[in-house]
Amino acid sequence: MKKLTILLSIIVIFALGVMGCSSNTTESVESIEVETTENIESKDDTSAIETKSESEPETITINHKLGEVVVNKNPKNIVVFDYATIDVLDELGIEVKGLPKSNIPAYLEKFNDDKYVDVGTLFEPNFEKIFELEPEVIFISARQAKLYEEFSKIAPTVYLELSGADYIDIITDNFNILGEIFDREDFIEQELAKIKEDIEDINNKVKEEDKNAIVLLANDGSMSAFGEDSRFGMIYTEFGFKQVAENIETSTHGQNISFEYILEQNPDYIFIVDKTAISGGSISTKEMFDNEIVKKTKAYKNDNIIYVDPEVWYVSPGGLKGTKIMLDEIKAAIEK
């Protein structure tokens, strides 16, 4: 009887032990299942966030003279119809996909490479070719302003304007827009600070010497003068030269004038934008100005007839490298 009692006790203890182990095992399994489920859900959430981030790039809203447009930050496929913008992007280290190649300035010669797609001319875009490139953004300027709606049907289009009269303010706005789109605000800020410092130095020196000037566009034997409110107005408004004649007609092509008019005004400086040098013609501008009337002017006698780079001043004003070229030319003119 005693042995039977002991045996029954052992059986009961064993049974309780098995039940305990079973309970612990179940709890462990349940714990693993819960943890695994939570991990999977967490991973799914992360994956969803990553997918959303990839499918919805960061954007920026640009307000410009022709409207408002939402552009992806740091876009890759870029089409540009403005050489000044290409100039800035090149300085930023940003590659473009397509551009008009018919009038590329010499200082942007690298863009004649076959890896860049020719998308028409400055005035006649090849919209079919542009569409094929699937651009994320298109940059245009005044020469394409009338076609803004057509460009906008293909991709977000940013219009960057330019005014010679408000040159530094306009390029500041344009550079800042590009800096924001491509996350290069610090670089733009530094470059603009250098440009503004150089302009201030030039302006101060010109005003100290109290010099006046006239800006001429020469084109195959004809010439026109430009004043403060013109495409070349920065000569007066930014660099500090006084306008030699008060009533110069404000128009896109300037005021037609004669050599007698130049002698009558008798400027200290004559700045010549030689369009013939870039568009061709039968009459050399330098030969045209080599005459007895011009030789009577103060500008000629003091060796102050300055031929500026027509590709920068006429074709692609408003760029970063181009503006530096302008500054160097004006510095050289007043320091010799």
Protein backbone atom coordinates (compact mmCIF):
# COMPACT_ATOMS: atom_id res chain seq x y z
CA MET A 1 0.00 0.00 0.00
CA LYS A 2 2.79 2.33 0.87
CA LYS A 3 4.55 1.52 -2.38
CA LEU A 4 1.34 2.20 -4.29
CA THR A 5 0.99 5.60 -2.64
CA ILE A 6 4.57 6.53 -3.54
CA LEU A 7 4.03 5.43 -7.14
CA LEU A 8 0.88 7.51 -7.47
CA SER A 9 2.72 10.58 -6.10
CA ILE A 10 5.48 10.17 -8.68
CA ILE A 11 2.93 9.90 -11.48
CA VAL A 12 1.14 13.09 -10.34
CA ILE A 13 4.40 15.04 -10.09
CA PHE A 14 5.48 13.90 -13.56
CA ALA A 15 2.13 14.87 -15.05
CA LEU A 16 2.31 18.36 -13.54
CA GLY A 17 5.82 18.79 -14.92
CA VAL A 18 4.75 17.89 -18.44
CA MET A 19 1.84 20.31 -18.26
CA GLY A 20 4.20 23.10 -17.13
CA CYS A 21 6.60 22.50 -19.99
CA SER A 22 3.75 22.44 -22.45
CA SER A 23 2.49 25.79 -21.17
CA ASN A 24 5.96 27.38 -21.41
CA THR A 25 6.46 26.04 -24.90
CA THR A 26 3.11 27.42 -26.01
CA GLU A 27 3.94 30.82 -24.52
CA SER A 28 7.32 30.84 -26.31
CA VAL A 29 5.74 29.93 -29.62
CA GLU A 30 3.08 32.59 -29.18
CA SER A 31 5.77 35.11 -28.27
CA ILE A 32 7.77 34.23 -31.42
CA GLU A 33 4.65 34.48 -33.54
CA VAL A 34 3.79 37.91 -32.16
CA GLU A 35 7.35 39.17 -32.59
CA THR A 36 7.56 37.83 -36.13
CA THR A 37 4.24 39.39 -37.07
CA GLU A 38 5.31 42.74 -35.64
CA ASN A 39 8.60 42.59 -37.57
CA ILE A 40 6.81 41.78 -40.81
CA GLU A 41 4.34 44.60 -40.27
CA SER A 42 7.20 46.96 -39.45
CA LYS A 43 9.07 45.92 -42.58
CA ASP A 44 5.93 46.34 -44.65
CA ASP A 45 5.49 49.85 -43.27
CA THR A 46 9.12 50.74 -44.07
CA SER A 47 8.77 49.29 -47.55
CA ALA A 48 5.63 51.32 -48.11
CA ILE A 49 7.39 54.50 -46.99
CA GLU A 50 10.36 53.78 -49.26
CA THR A 51 8.09 53.05 -52.21
CA LYS A 52 6.16 56.23 -51.60
CA SER A 53 9.41 58.20 -51.36
CA GLU A 54 10.66 56.76 -54.64
CA SER A 55 7.40 57.40 -56.48
CA GLU A 56 6.92 60.93 -55.17
CA PRO A 57 10.13 62.99 -55.61
CA GLU A 58 10.55 66.27 -53.78
CA THR A 59 9.22 69.22 -55.76
CA ILE A 60 9.57 72.99 -55.82
CA THR A 61 7.09 75.60 -57.03
CA ILE A 62 8.55 78.28 -59.29
CA ASN A 63 6.75 81.56 -59.95
CA HIS A 64 7.88 83.37 -63.08
CA LYS A 65 6.61 86.04 -65.45
CA LEU A 66 4.61 83.58 -67.57
CA GLY A 67 3.05 81.61 -64.74
CA GLU A 68 3.61 79.12 -61.93
CA VAL A 69 5.11 75.67 -62.36
CA VAL A 70 5.93 72.71 -60.12
CA VAL A 71 9.33 71.16 -60.85
CA ASN A 72 11.06 68.08 -59.45
CA LYS A 73 14.10 68.84 -57.33
CA ASN A 74 17.34 67.77 -59.02
CA PRO A 75 15.72 66.73 -62.33
CA LYS A 76 17.77 64.55 -64.67
CA ASN A 77 16.38 64.92 -68.19
CA ILE A 78 16.82 68.62 -68.89
CA VAL A 79 16.15 70.56 -72.10
CA VAL A 80 17.39 74.16 -72.30
CA PHE A 81 16.61 76.88 -74.87
CA ASP A 82 18.66 79.59 -73.22
CA TYR A 83 22.46 79.67 -73.44
CA ALA A 84 22.75 81.76 -70.27
CA THR A 85 20.97 78.99 -68.37
CA ILE A 86 23.22 76.37 -69.95
CA ASP A 87 26.16 78.51 -68.83
CA VAL A 88 24.94 78.49 -65.20
CA LEU A 89 24.11 74.77 -65.21
CA ASP A 90 27.55 74.01 -66.61
CA GLU A 91 29.15 75.95 -63.76
CA LEU A 92 26.97 73.97 -61.33
CA GLY A 93 28.15 70.70 -62.86
CA ILE A 94 24.64 69.85 -64.10
CA GLU A 95 24.35 67.95 -67.39
CA VAL A 96 21.64 68.77 -69.93
CA LYS A 97 20.00 66.38 -72.37
CA GLY A 98 19.08 68.68 -75.25
CA LEU A 99 19.67 72.21 -76.52
CA PRO A 100 19.63 74.21 -79.78
CA LYS A 101 23.04 73.91 -81.40
CA SER A 102 22.84 76.40 -84.26
CA ASN A 103 24.34 79.39 -82.39
CA ILE A 104 26.30 77.95 -79.47
CA PRO A 105 28.78 80.58 -78.18
CA ALA A 106 32.46 79.67 -78.41
CA TYR A 107 32.85 79.62 -74.63
CA LEU A 108 30.18 76.88 -74.51
CA GLU A 109 31.71 74.90 -77.37
CA LYS A 110 31.65 71.63 -75.37
CA PHE A 111 27.88 71.43 -75.98
CA ASN A 112 28.45 70.76 -79.68
CA ASP A 113 29.32 67.20 -78.64
CA ASP A 114 27.07 64.49 -80.11
CA LYS A 115 26.02 63.36 -76.64
CA TYR A 116 23.83 66.47 -76.47
CA VAL A 117 20.70 66.26 -78.60
CA ASP A 118 19.97 69.11 -81.03
CA VAL A 119 16.38 70.23 -80.37
CA GLY A 120 15.96 72.91 -83.02
CA THR A 121 16.94 76.58 -83.05
CA LEU A 122 16.40 79.38 -80.56
CA PHE A 123 13.36 80.53 -82.54
CA GLU A 124 12.15 77.22 -84.03
CA PRO A 125 12.10 74.39 -81.48
CA ASN A 126 11.77 70.79 -82.68
CA PHE A 127 8.87 69.80 -80.44
CA GLU A 128 8.82 66.21 -81.68
CA LYS A 129 12.46 65.75 -80.70
CA ILE A 130 11.87 67.42 -77.34
CA PHE A 131 8.92 65.09 -76.66
CA GLU A 132 11.08 62.04 -77.42
CA LEU A 133 13.58 63.09 -74.76
CA GLU A 134 10.87 62.94 -72.04
CA PRO A 135 12.31 65.94 -70.16
CA GLU A 136 11.57 66.53 -66.50
CA VAL A 137 11.99 70.27 -67.01
CA ILE A 138 12.46 72.74 -69.87
CA PHE A 139 14.12 76.14 -69.47
CA ILE A 140 13.31 78.95 -71.92
CA SER A 141 13.93 82.70 -72.24
CA ALA A 142 12.50 85.69 -74.13
CA ARG A 143 13.21 84.26 -77.58
CA GLN A 144 10.78 81.39 -76.89
CA ALA A 145 8.27 83.22 -74.68
CA LYS A 146 5.45 83.06 -77.26
CA LEU A 147 5.77 79.25 -77.32
CA TYR A 148 5.50 78.79 -73.56
CA GLU A 149 2.19 76.93 -73.73
CA GLU A 150 3.54 74.50 -76.33
CA PHE A 151 6.56 73.71 -74.18
CA SER A 152 4.34 73.30 -71.12
CA LYS A 153 2.35 70.55 -72.84
CA ILE A 154 5.51 68.45 -72.91
CA ALA A 155 7.03 69.15 -69.48
CA PRO A 156 7.13 71.71 -66.66
CA THR A 157 8.61 74.83 -68.27
CA VAL A 158 10.52 77.56 -66.43
CA TYR A 159 10.81 80.98 -68.06
CA LEU A 160 13.92 82.95 -67.06
CA GLU A 161 13.79 86.54 -68.26
CA LEU A 162 16.56 89.09 -68.63
CA SER A 163 16.67 92.87 -68.59
CA GLY A 164 19.81 94.86 -69.31
CA ALA A 165 18.52 97.74 -67.25
CA ASP A 166 18.05 95.58 -64.12
CA TYR A 167 20.80 93.14 -64.94
CA ILE A 168 22.13 92.26 -61.50
CA ASP A 169 18.64 91.94 -59.95
CA ILE A 170 17.44 89.71 -62.78
CA ILE A 171 20.43 87.37 -62.80
CA THR A 172 20.22 87.16 -59.01
CA ASP A 173 16.63 85.91 -59.29
CA ASN A 174 17.50 83.51 -62.13
CA PHE A 175 20.58 82.09 -60.41
CA ASN A 176 18.66 81.62 -57.17
CA ILE A 177 15.90 79.70 -58.96
CA LEU A 178 18.47 77.34 -60.47
CA GLY A 179 20.25 77.04 -57.12
CA GLU A 180 17.01 76.01 -55.42
CA ILE A 181 16.04 73.48 -58.07
CA PHE A 182 19.45 71.79 -57.99
CA ASP A 183 20.25 72.22 -54.28
CA ARG A 184 23.22 74.54 -54.90
CA GLU A 185 22.11 77.64 -53.04
CA ASP A 186 25.44 78.04 -51.21
CA PHE A 187 27.47 77.99 -54.42
CA ILE A 188 25.13 80.52 -56.06
CA GLU A 189 25.30 82.80 -53.04
CA GLN A 190 29.11 82.80 -53.14
CA GLU A 191 29.29 83.46 -56.89
CA LEU A 192 26.76 86.28 -56.73
CA ALA A 193 28.67 87.90 -53.88
CA LYS A 194 31.85 87.96 -56.02
CA ILE A 195 29.99 89.38 -59.02
CA LYS A 196 28.33 92.12 -56.97
CA GLU A 197 31.66 93.06 -55.40
CA ASP A 198 33.29 93.36 -58.83
CA ILE A 199 30.40 95.42 -60.19
CA GLU A 200 30.58 97.78 -57.21
CA ASP A 201 34.33 98.26 -57.75
CA ILE A 202 33.83 99.04 -61.44
CA ASN A 203 30.92 101.36 -60.73
CA ASN A 204 32.87 103.32 -58.14
CA LYS A 205 35.88 103.76 -60.40
CA VAL A 206 33.81 104.86 -63.42
CA LYS A 207 31.86 107.38 -61.34
CA GLU A 208 35.03 108.74 -59.78
CA GLU A 209 36.37 109.48 -63.25
CA ASP A 210 32.97 110.85 -64.33
CA LYS A 211 32.96 109.04 -67.69
CA ASN A 212 30.13 108.80 -70.21
CA ALA A 213 29.61 106.23 -72.94
CA ILE A 214 27.52 105.07 -75.85
CA VAL A 215 26.74 101.42 -76.67
CA LEU A 216 26.43 100.52 -80.34
CA LEU A 217 25.26 97.41 -82.15
CA ALA A 218 26.96 97.16 -85.55
CA ASN A 219 25.49 94.89 -88.22
CA ASP A 220 26.87 94.69 -91.75
CA GLY A 221 27.34 98.41 -92.33
CA SER A 222 24.49 99.73 -90.17
CA MET A 223 24.55 100.66 -86.51
CA SER A 224 22.18 101.52 -83.71
CA ALA A 225 22.58 103.05 -80.25
CA PHE A 226 21.20 101.68 -76.99
CA GLY A 227 20.33 103.51 -73.77
CA GLU A 228 19.66 102.70 -70.12
CA ASP A 229 16.42 100.81 -70.68
CA SER A 230 17.83 98.58 -73.39
CA ARG A 231 19.30 95.09 -73.60
CA PHE A 232 22.73 96.67 -73.03
CA GLY A 233 21.58 99.01 -70.28
CA MET A 234 23.93 97.41 -67.73
CA ILE A 235 26.73 99.60 -69.13
CA TYR A 236 24.95 102.54 -67.49
CA THR A 237 22.87 101.08 -64.66
CA GLU A 238 25.39 98.59 -63.30
CA PHE A 239 28.82 99.76 -64.45
CA GLY A 240 28.24 103.45 -63.80
CA PHE A 241 28.84 105.11 -67.18
CA LYS A 242 26.70 108.15 -67.86
CA GLN A 243 24.52 107.93 -70.93
CA VAL A 244 26.10 110.37 -73.39
CA ALA A 245 22.77 111.21 -75.02
CA GLU A 246 19.63 111.58 -72.96
CA ASN A 247 16.98 110.66 -75.51
CA ILE A 248 18.16 107.41 -77.07
CA GLU A 249 15.15 105.55 -78.42
CA THR A 250 14.21 102.45 -76.44
CA SER A 251 13.54 99.51 -78.74
CA THR A 252 14.64 95.95 -79.32
CA HIS A 253 16.94 96.93 -82.17
CA GLY A 254 18.04 100.30 -80.80
CA GLN A 255 18.06 103.74 -82.44
CA ASN A 256 19.56 104.00 -85.91
CA ILE A 257 22.34 106.57 -85.92
CA SER A 258 25.13 107.98 -88.12
CA PHE A 259 28.81 108.66 -87.52
CA GLU A 260 27.96 112.35 -87.41
CA TYR A 261 25.67 111.63 -84.47
CA ILE A 262 28.52 109.90 -82.65
CA LEU A 263 30.84 112.87 -83.19
CA GLU A 264 28.12 115.28 -82.07
CA GLN A 265 27.73 113.36 -78.78
CA ASN A 266 31.52 112.83 -78.53
CA PRO A 267 31.51 110.11 -75.83
CA ASP A 268 34.43 109.19 -73.57
CA TYR A 269 33.86 105.51 -74.37
CA ILE A 270 32.31 103.72 -77.32
CA PHE A 271 31.30 100.11 -76.66
CA ILE A 272 30.65 98.13 -79.83
CA VAL A 273 28.72 94.86 -80.05
CA ASP A 274 29.77 93.48 -83.42
CA LYS A 275 26.83 91.38 -84.61
CA THR A 276 28.47 90.95 -88.01
CA ALA A 277 31.17 88.86 -86.34
CA ILE A 278 28.60 86.22 -85.36
CA SER A 279 25.94 86.43 -88.07
CA GLY A 280 28.16 87.29 -91.04
CA GLY A 281 28.03 90.12 -93.55
CA SER A 282 29.91 91.82 -96.34
CA ILE A 283 31.13 94.85 -94.38
CA SER A 284 33.72 94.55 -91.61
CA THR A 285 32.72 96.51 -88.51
CA LYS A 286 36.30 97.49 -87.67
CA GLU A 287 36.84 98.77 -91.19
CA MET A 288 33.55 100.64 -90.97
CA PHE A 289 34.69 102.49 -87.84
CA ASP A 290 38.09 103.28 -89.31
CA ASN A 291 37.07 106.67 -90.67
CA GLU A 292 37.93 110.35 -90.19
CA ILE A 293 34.74 111.20 -88.30
CA VAL A 294 35.30 108.56 -85.61
CA LYS A 295 38.94 109.58 -85.31
CA LYS A 296 37.83 113.03 -84.10
CA THR A 297 36.03 111.61 -81.04
CA LYS A 298 37.44 111.55 -77.51
CA ALA A 299 36.89 107.80 -77.42
CA TYR A 300 39.17 107.25 -80.41
CA LYS A 301 41.86 109.70 -79.27
CA ASN A 302 42.05 108.04 -75.83
CA ASP A 303 41.94 104.51 -77.24
CA ASN A 304 38.55 103.89 -75.65
CA ILE A 305 36.70 102.21 -78.51
CA ILE A 306 35.95 98.83 -76.98
CA TYR A 307 34.80 95.78 -78.94
CA VAL A 308 33.03 93.51 -76.48
CA ASP A 309 32.40 89.80 -77.00
CA PRO A 310 29.23 89.71 -79.16
CA GLU A 311 28.45 86.09 -78.31
CA VAL A 312 28.22 86.99 -74.63
CA TRP A 313 26.60 90.42 -74.89
CA TYR A 314 24.19 89.66 -77.74
CA VAL A 315 23.62 85.87 -77.87
CA SER A 316 23.89 84.72 -74.25
CA PRO A 317 23.85 87.56 -71.69
CA GLY A 318 22.83 86.59 -68.17
CA GLY A 319 25.00 83.54 -67.57
CA LEU A 320 27.48 83.01 -64.75
CA LYS A 321 30.62 82.55 -66.82
CA GLY A 322 29.31 85.07 -69.36
CA THR A 323 28.83 87.74 -66.70
CA LYS A 324 32.42 87.22 -65.55
CA ILE A 325 33.55 87.72 -69.16
CA MET A 326 31.60 90.99 -69.25
CA LEU A 327 33.20 92.16 -66.01
CA ASP A 328 36.68 91.32 -67.25
CA GLU A 329 36.09 93.30 -70.45
CA ILE A 330 34.88 96.39 -68.58
CA LYS A 331 37.75 96.15 -66.08
CA ALA A 332 40.26 95.96 -68.93
CA ALA A 333 38.64 98.98 -70.60
CA ILE A 334 38.86 101.27 -67.58
CA GLU A 335 42.22 100.10 -66.22
CA LYS A 336 44.39 100.49 -69.31
